[in-house]
Amino acid sequence: MLLVVWYTILEWATIAATTFCVIRAFDGALHLDLLDVLIFLGFLAFGTVIQIPGVGGGMQVVSVLVLTELFRVPLEISTSVALVLWFISFVVVVPLSLFLALHEGIRWRTLKQLEPKAIV
């Protein structure tokens, strides 16, 4: 259990550091300190759970809303930050995931041929 707690702390520290670095990359346009980034990250954690029909992920919407309404960042900068965070968080892992899936022998044809099993 302690190992799970340690990995959770390590993962959230990595996420917080990544978010802080992305925010710092926009340093000329927005000035958020570490506490502001952690507050922003707290809102993002709830936003990733919400999926908005027709729009997609709630993470981008929450990002833009929190930055514009709470931190008074211009809409253009808020949208840029949301897109960069989405790209870094979700899109970057796709090529590596596909490579590892192919390396393990997972193919679309074999996935289609699998029969669903009842979970008991």
Protein backbone atom coordinates (compact mmCIF):
# COMPACT_ATOMS: atom_id res chain seq x y z
CA MET A 1 0.00 0.00 0.00
CA LEU A 2 2.87 2.35 0.76
CA LEU A 3 4.29 1.67 -2.69
CA VAL A 4 0.97 2.66 -4.28
CA VAL A 5 0.91 5.87 -2.24
CA TRP A 6 4.52 6.60 -3.23
CA TYR A 7 3.79 6.04 -6.95
CA THR A 8 0.70 8.26 -6.69
CA ILE A 9 2.71 11.06 -5.10
CA LEU A 10 5.44 10.64 -7.72
CA GLU A 11 2.91 10.70 -10.57
CA TRP A 12 1.14 13.83 -9.30
CA ALA A 13 4.49 15.54 -8.73
CA THR A 14 5.41 14.78 -12.34
CA ILE A 15 2.06 16.09 -13.58
CA ALA A 16 2.42 19.24 -11.47
CA ALA A 17 5.97 19.82 -12.69
CA THR A 18 4.90 19.36 -16.31
CA THR A 19 1.99 21.76 -15.90
CA PHE A 20 4.24 24.28 -14.16
CA CYS A 21 6.77 24.06 -17.02
CA VAL A 22 4.05 24.58 -19.64
CA ILE A 23 2.74 27.61 -17.74
CA ARG A 24 6.30 28.96 -17.46
CA ALA A 25 6.69 28.56 -21.24
CA PHE A 26 3.98 31.21 -21.59
CA ASP A 27 5.76 33.43 -19.07
CA GLY A 28 5.57 36.59 -21.12
CA ALA A 29 1.78 36.40 -21.27
CA LEU A 30 0.78 34.90 -17.95
CA HIS A 31 2.35 35.02 -14.53
CA LEU A 32 1.26 32.17 -12.29
CA ASP A 33 3.28 30.94 -9.34
CA LEU A 34 3.41 27.36 -8.09
CA LEU A 35 0.33 27.70 -5.88
CA ASP A 36 -1.69 29.10 -8.79
CA VAL A 37 -0.57 26.19 -10.96
CA LEU A 38 -1.63 23.70 -8.27
CA ILE A 39 -5.06 25.36 -8.02
CA PHE A 40 -5.32 25.25 -11.81
CA LEU A 41 -4.31 21.59 -11.76
CA GLY A 42 -7.01 20.83 -9.18
CA PHE A 43 -9.65 22.21 -11.53
CA LEU A 44 -8.13 20.25 -14.42
CA ALA A 45 -8.40 17.02 -12.44
CA PHE A 46 -12.17 17.50 -12.29
CA GLY A 47 -12.29 18.61 -15.92
CA THR A 48 -10.70 15.39 -17.18
CA VAL A 49 -13.63 13.42 -15.76
CA ILE A 50 -16.23 15.40 -17.71
CA GLN A 51 -16.88 14.58 -21.36
CA ILE A 52 -19.02 17.16 -23.13
CA PRO A 53 -21.08 15.78 -26.05
CA GLY A 54 -20.20 17.48 -29.31
CA VAL A 55 -17.22 19.27 -27.79
CA GLY A 56 -15.10 16.45 -26.43
CA GLY A 57 -12.93 16.62 -23.38
CA GLY A 58 -13.85 18.81 -20.51
CA MET A 59 -10.18 19.35 -19.72
CA GLN A 60 -9.78 21.93 -22.48
CA VAL A 61 -13.00 23.72 -21.58
CA VAL A 62 -12.13 23.80 -17.86
CA SER A 63 -8.61 24.97 -18.70
CA VAL A 64 -9.85 27.91 -20.72
CA LEU A 65 -12.58 28.79 -18.21
CA VAL A 66 -10.30 28.69 -15.16
CA LEU A 67 -7.53 30.67 -16.84
CA THR A 68 -9.87 33.32 -18.24
CA GLU A 69 -12.29 33.67 -15.33
CA LEU A 70 -10.17 32.91 -12.27
CA PHE A 71 -6.75 34.14 -13.36
CA ARG A 72 -7.88 36.80 -15.90
CA VAL A 73 -5.70 35.44 -18.72
CA PRO A 74 -6.71 36.48 -22.26
CA LEU A 75 -8.76 33.94 -24.21
CA GLU A 76 -6.09 33.39 -26.85
CA ILE A 77 -3.40 32.52 -24.31
CA SER A 78 -5.82 30.34 -22.32
CA THR A 79 -6.73 28.39 -25.45
CA SER A 80 -3.06 27.94 -26.34
CA VAL A 81 -2.24 26.65 -22.86
CA ALA A 82 -5.20 24.24 -22.99
CA LEU A 83 -4.12 22.84 -26.35
CA VAL A 84 -0.48 22.44 -25.32
CA LEU A 85 -1.48 20.69 -22.08
CA TRP A 86 -3.86 18.40 -23.96
CA PHE A 87 -1.17 17.57 -26.50
CA ILE A 88 1.46 16.86 -23.86
CA SER A 89 -0.93 14.90 -21.64
CA PHE A 90 -2.77 12.75 -24.14
CA VAL A 91 -1.46 12.93 -27.70
CA VAL A 92 2.23 12.36 -26.98
CA VAL A 93 1.64 8.86 -25.58
CA VAL A 94 -0.20 7.57 -28.68
CA PRO A 95 2.85 6.73 -30.88
CA LEU A 96 4.60 4.91 -28.03
CA SER A 97 1.40 3.06 -27.16
CA LEU A 98 0.91 1.93 -30.74
CA PHE A 99 4.52 0.79 -30.96
CA LEU A 100 4.23 -1.21 -27.73
CA ALA A 101 0.90 -2.73 -28.82
CA LEU A 102 2.40 -3.84 -32.14
CA HIS A 103 5.48 -5.13 -30.36
CA GLU A 104 3.27 -7.27 -28.13
CA GLY A 105 1.50 -8.69 -31.17
CA ILE A 106 -1.80 -6.88 -30.75
CA ARG A 107 -3.44 -6.35 -34.14
CA TRP A 108 -6.84 -4.92 -35.11
CA ARG A 109 -7.73 -8.22 -36.81
CA THR A 110 -7.07 -10.21 -33.65
CA LEU A 111 -9.02 -7.75 -31.52
CA LYS A 112 -12.06 -8.06 -33.80
CA GLN A 113 -11.93 -11.85 -33.60
CA LEU A 114 -11.96 -11.98 -29.80
CA GLU A 115 -15.23 -13.03 -28.30
CA PRO A 116 -16.46 -11.09 -25.28
CA LYS A 117 -16.23 -13.02 -22.04
CA ALA A 118 -18.72 -12.69 -19.26
CA ILE A 119 -17.20 -11.22 -16.13
CA VAL A 120 -18.26 -13.18 -13.09
